[in-house]
Amino acid sequence: MARPITPEDLWNLARVSAPEASPDGSFAVVAVTTYDVEENKGTGRLHRIECDGRANPLTDPDAGASAPSLSPDGTRLAFLRE
């Protein structure tokens, strides 16, 4: 029998932000946040998601990043560094 989900289970799940799609629709950028309960801290990392589903990390896993925003032509990316 499956056990009920616990608060610890929820904290161990990565959270994915709303995607920021490129103007031509060929890729999207998302922030993926993971949590460390012992440190009481969440850290975001940006990933580029290709149309075929491949994901490539864009930022360092040790420094937080969030709120991706692409330039109108899709050649530049702005984001918040935590």
N, C-alpha and C. Protein backbone atom coordinates (compact mmCIF):
# COMPACT_ATOMS: atom_id res chain seq x y z
N MET A 1 0.84 -1.19 0.00
CA MET A 1 0.00 0.00 0.00
C MET A 1 0.89 1.25 0.00
N ALA A 2 0.54 2.22 -0.78
CA ALA A 2 1.30 3.46 -0.86
C ALA A 2 1.10 4.28 0.41
N ARG A 3 2.15 4.96 0.81
CA ARG A 3 2.05 5.81 1.99
C ARG A 3 1.57 7.19 1.58
N PRO A 4 0.98 7.94 2.50
CA PRO A 4 0.55 9.31 2.19
C PRO A 4 1.76 10.20 1.93
N ILE A 5 1.57 11.21 1.12
CA ILE A 5 2.64 12.19 0.88
C ILE A 5 2.85 13.01 2.15
N THR A 6 4.09 13.35 2.42
CA THR A 6 4.43 14.10 3.63
C THR A 6 4.94 15.48 3.27
N PRO A 7 5.00 16.39 4.23
CA PRO A 7 5.59 17.70 3.95
C PRO A 7 7.04 17.59 3.47
N GLU A 8 7.78 16.64 4.01
CA GLU A 8 9.16 16.44 3.58
C GLU A 8 9.22 16.05 2.10
N ASP A 9 8.26 15.22 1.66
CA ASP A 9 8.20 14.84 0.24
C ASP A 9 8.04 16.09 -0.62
N LEU A 10 7.16 16.98 -0.21
CA LEU A 10 6.92 18.19 -0.99
C LEU A 10 8.16 19.07 -1.06
N TRP A 11 8.89 19.18 0.04
CA TRP A 11 10.11 19.99 0.05
C TRP A 11 11.20 19.38 -0.82
N ASN A 12 11.16 18.07 -1.02
CA ASN A 12 12.16 17.40 -1.86
C ASN A 12 11.86 17.50 -3.35
N LEU A 13 10.69 17.99 -3.71
CA LEU A 13 10.34 18.16 -5.13
C LEU A 13 10.88 19.48 -5.66
N ALA A 14 11.47 19.45 -6.84
CA ALA A 14 11.88 20.69 -7.50
C ALA A 14 10.64 21.41 -8.00
N ARG A 15 10.67 22.74 -7.99
CA ARG A 15 9.54 23.55 -8.47
C ARG A 15 9.97 24.26 -9.74
N VAL A 16 9.14 24.17 -10.76
CA VAL A 16 9.43 24.77 -12.06
C VAL A 16 8.56 26.01 -12.25
N SER A 17 9.19 27.12 -12.65
CA SER A 17 8.46 28.37 -12.88
C SER A 17 7.73 28.32 -14.23
N ALA A 18 6.95 29.35 -14.46
CA ALA A 18 6.30 29.50 -15.77
C ALA A 18 7.39 29.69 -16.83
N PRO A 19 7.24 29.08 -17.98
CA PRO A 19 8.27 29.21 -19.03
C PRO A 19 8.26 30.59 -19.67
N GLU A 20 9.44 31.05 -20.03
CA GLU A 20 9.61 32.27 -20.83
C GLU A 20 9.98 31.79 -22.23
N ALA A 21 9.03 31.84 -23.15
CA ALA A 21 9.24 31.31 -24.51
C ALA A 21 10.02 32.29 -25.36
N SER A 22 10.87 31.75 -26.23
CA SER A 22 11.59 32.60 -27.17
C SER A 22 10.60 33.14 -28.20
N PRO A 23 10.90 34.30 -28.78
CA PRO A 23 9.98 34.89 -29.75
C PRO A 23 9.66 33.97 -30.93
N ASP A 24 10.62 33.16 -31.36
CA ASP A 24 10.36 32.27 -32.50
C ASP A 24 9.82 30.91 -32.06
N GLY A 25 9.67 30.69 -30.76
CA GLY A 25 9.09 29.45 -30.26
C GLY A 25 10.02 28.25 -30.29
N SER A 26 11.30 28.46 -30.53
CA SER A 26 12.22 27.33 -30.65
C SER A 26 12.75 26.82 -29.31
N PHE A 27 12.62 27.60 -28.25
CA PHE A 27 13.06 27.18 -26.92
C PHE A 27 12.34 28.01 -25.88
N ALA A 28 12.48 27.60 -24.63
CA ALA A 28 11.95 28.35 -23.50
C ALA A 28 12.99 28.32 -22.38
N VAL A 29 12.90 29.28 -21.49
CA VAL A 29 13.76 29.32 -20.31
C VAL A 29 12.86 29.22 -19.09
N VAL A 30 13.24 28.34 -18.14
CA VAL A 30 12.49 28.19 -16.90
C VAL A 30 13.46 28.24 -15.73
N ALA A 31 12.94 28.68 -14.60
CA ALA A 31 13.69 28.60 -13.35
C ALA A 31 13.22 27.34 -12.62
N VAL A 32 14.17 26.54 -12.16
CA VAL A 32 13.87 25.35 -11.38
C VAL A 32 14.44 25.58 -9.98
N THR A 33 13.57 25.56 -8.98
CA THR A 33 13.99 25.81 -7.61
C THR A 33 13.99 24.52 -6.82
N THR A 34 15.10 24.26 -6.15
CA THR A 34 15.22 23.13 -5.24
C THR A 34 15.40 23.67 -3.82
N TYR A 35 15.04 22.85 -2.84
CA TYR A 35 15.04 23.31 -1.46
C TYR A 35 15.91 22.44 -0.58
N ASP A 36 16.55 23.07 0.39
CA ASP A 36 17.32 22.39 1.42
C ASP A 36 16.63 22.69 2.74
N VAL A 37 15.93 21.71 3.28
CA VAL A 37 15.17 21.90 4.51
C VAL A 37 16.08 22.20 5.69
N GLU A 38 17.22 21.51 5.75
CA GLU A 38 18.14 21.73 6.88
C GLU A 38 18.67 23.15 6.91
N GLU A 39 18.92 23.73 5.73
CA GLU A 39 19.41 25.12 5.67
C GLU A 39 18.26 26.12 5.57
N ASN A 40 17.02 25.60 5.40
CA ASN A 40 15.84 26.45 5.25
C ASN A 40 16.04 27.44 4.10
N LYS A 41 16.43 26.87 2.95
CA LYS A 41 16.81 27.72 1.82
C LYS A 41 16.39 27.07 0.50
N GLY A 42 15.93 27.90 -0.42
CA GLY A 42 15.65 27.46 -1.78
C GLY A 42 16.63 28.11 -2.73
N THR A 43 17.05 27.37 -3.76
CA THR A 43 17.98 27.91 -4.75
C THR A 43 17.42 27.65 -6.15
N GLY A 44 17.33 28.72 -6.94
CA GLY A 44 16.83 28.61 -8.31
C GLY A 44 17.97 28.50 -9.30
N ARG A 45 17.73 27.78 -10.37
CA ARG A 45 18.70 27.64 -11.46
C ARG A 45 17.93 27.72 -12.76
N LEU A 46 18.45 28.48 -13.73
CA LEU A 46 17.78 28.61 -15.02
C LEU A 46 18.19 27.49 -15.96
N HIS A 47 17.21 27.02 -16.74
CA HIS A 47 17.44 25.98 -17.73
C HIS A 47 16.83 26.41 -19.06
N ARG A 48 17.52 26.10 -20.13
CA ARG A 48 16.98 26.32 -21.48
C ARG A 48 16.37 24.99 -21.92
N ILE A 49 15.10 25.02 -22.29
CA ILE A 49 14.37 23.83 -22.72
C ILE A 49 14.16 23.92 -24.23
N GLU A 50 14.70 22.96 -24.95
CA GLU A 50 14.54 22.91 -26.41
C GLU A 50 13.19 22.28 -26.76
N CYS A 51 12.75 22.47 -27.98
CA CYS A 51 11.47 21.92 -28.42
C CYS A 51 11.42 20.39 -28.34
N ASP A 52 12.58 19.75 -28.45
CA ASP A 52 12.60 18.29 -28.38
C ASP A 52 12.67 17.78 -26.93
N GLY A 53 12.62 18.70 -25.95
CA GLY A 53 12.60 18.31 -24.55
C GLY A 53 13.95 18.33 -23.85
N ARG A 54 15.03 18.51 -24.61
CA ARG A 54 16.35 18.58 -23.96
C ARG A 54 16.43 19.81 -23.08
N ALA A 55 17.02 19.64 -21.89
CA ALA A 55 17.18 20.76 -20.96
C ALA A 55 18.66 21.00 -20.72
N ASN A 56 19.07 22.25 -20.85
CA ASN A 56 20.47 22.63 -20.62
C ASN A 56 20.53 23.69 -19.53
N PRO A 57 21.28 23.43 -18.44
CA PRO A 57 21.40 24.44 -17.39
C PRO A 57 22.14 25.68 -17.91
N LEU A 58 21.67 26.83 -17.50
CA LEU A 58 22.28 28.10 -17.93
C LEU A 58 23.03 28.79 -16.80
N THR A 59 22.67 28.51 -15.57
CA THR A 59 23.29 29.22 -14.44
C THR A 59 23.92 28.23 -13.47
N ASP A 60 24.78 28.76 -12.64
CA ASP A 60 25.50 27.99 -11.63
C ASP A 60 24.52 27.45 -10.58
N PRO A 61 24.66 26.19 -10.19
CA PRO A 61 23.74 25.64 -9.19
C PRO A 61 23.95 26.20 -7.78
N ASP A 62 25.10 26.82 -7.54
CA ASP A 62 25.39 27.34 -6.20
C ASP A 62 24.96 28.78 -5.99
N ALA A 63 24.55 29.46 -7.05
CA ALA A 63 24.08 30.85 -6.93
C ALA A 63 22.67 30.92 -7.50
N GLY A 64 21.74 31.41 -6.74
CA GLY A 64 20.34 31.42 -7.16
C GLY A 64 20.08 32.32 -8.35
N ALA A 65 19.10 31.93 -9.15
CA ALA A 65 18.67 32.71 -10.31
C ALA A 65 17.17 32.50 -10.48
N SER A 66 16.47 33.57 -10.87
CA SER A 66 15.02 33.47 -11.06
C SER A 66 14.56 34.55 -12.04
N ALA A 67 13.28 34.54 -12.32
CA ALA A 67 12.61 35.55 -13.15
C ALA A 67 13.27 35.77 -14.51
N PRO A 68 13.40 34.71 -15.33
CA PRO A 68 14.02 34.90 -16.65
C PRO A 68 13.15 35.75 -17.56
N SER A 69 13.80 36.58 -18.37
CA SER A 69 13.10 37.41 -19.35
C SER A 69 13.97 37.53 -20.60
N LEU A 70 13.44 37.13 -21.74
CA LEU A 70 14.18 37.20 -22.99
C LEU A 70 13.95 38.54 -23.68
N SER A 71 14.97 39.01 -24.40
CA SER A 71 14.83 40.23 -25.19
C SER A 71 13.84 39.97 -26.32
N PRO A 72 13.26 41.01 -26.90
CA PRO A 72 12.28 40.83 -27.97
C PRO A 72 12.78 40.00 -29.16
N ASP A 73 14.09 40.04 -29.42
CA ASP A 73 14.62 39.24 -30.53
C ASP A 73 15.14 37.88 -30.08
N GLY A 74 15.07 37.59 -28.75
CA GLY A 74 15.46 36.30 -28.21
C GLY A 74 16.95 36.06 -28.10
N THR A 75 17.77 37.09 -28.32
CA THR A 75 19.22 36.89 -28.29
C THR A 75 19.84 37.17 -26.92
N ARG A 76 19.10 37.82 -26.02
CA ARG A 76 19.63 38.14 -24.70
C ARG A 76 18.66 37.69 -23.62
N LEU A 77 19.22 37.35 -22.48
CA LEU A 77 18.42 36.88 -21.35
C LEU A 77 18.75 37.73 -20.12
N ALA A 78 17.72 38.26 -19.49
CA ALA A 78 17.89 38.97 -18.23
C ALA A 78 17.26 38.10 -17.14
N PHE A 79 17.82 38.16 -15.94
CA PHE A 79 17.27 37.40 -14.82
C PHE A 79 17.76 38.01 -13.52
N LEU A 80 17.13 37.59 -12.44
CA LEU A 80 17.53 38.05 -11.11
C LEU A 80 18.53 37.06 -10.53
N ARG A 81 19.61 37.58 -9.97
CA ARG A 81 20.61 36.76 -9.29
C ARG A 81 20.39 36.93 -7.79
N GLU A 82 20.31 35.84 -7.08
CA GLU A 82 20.03 35.90 -5.64
C GLU A 82 21.31 35.85 -4.85
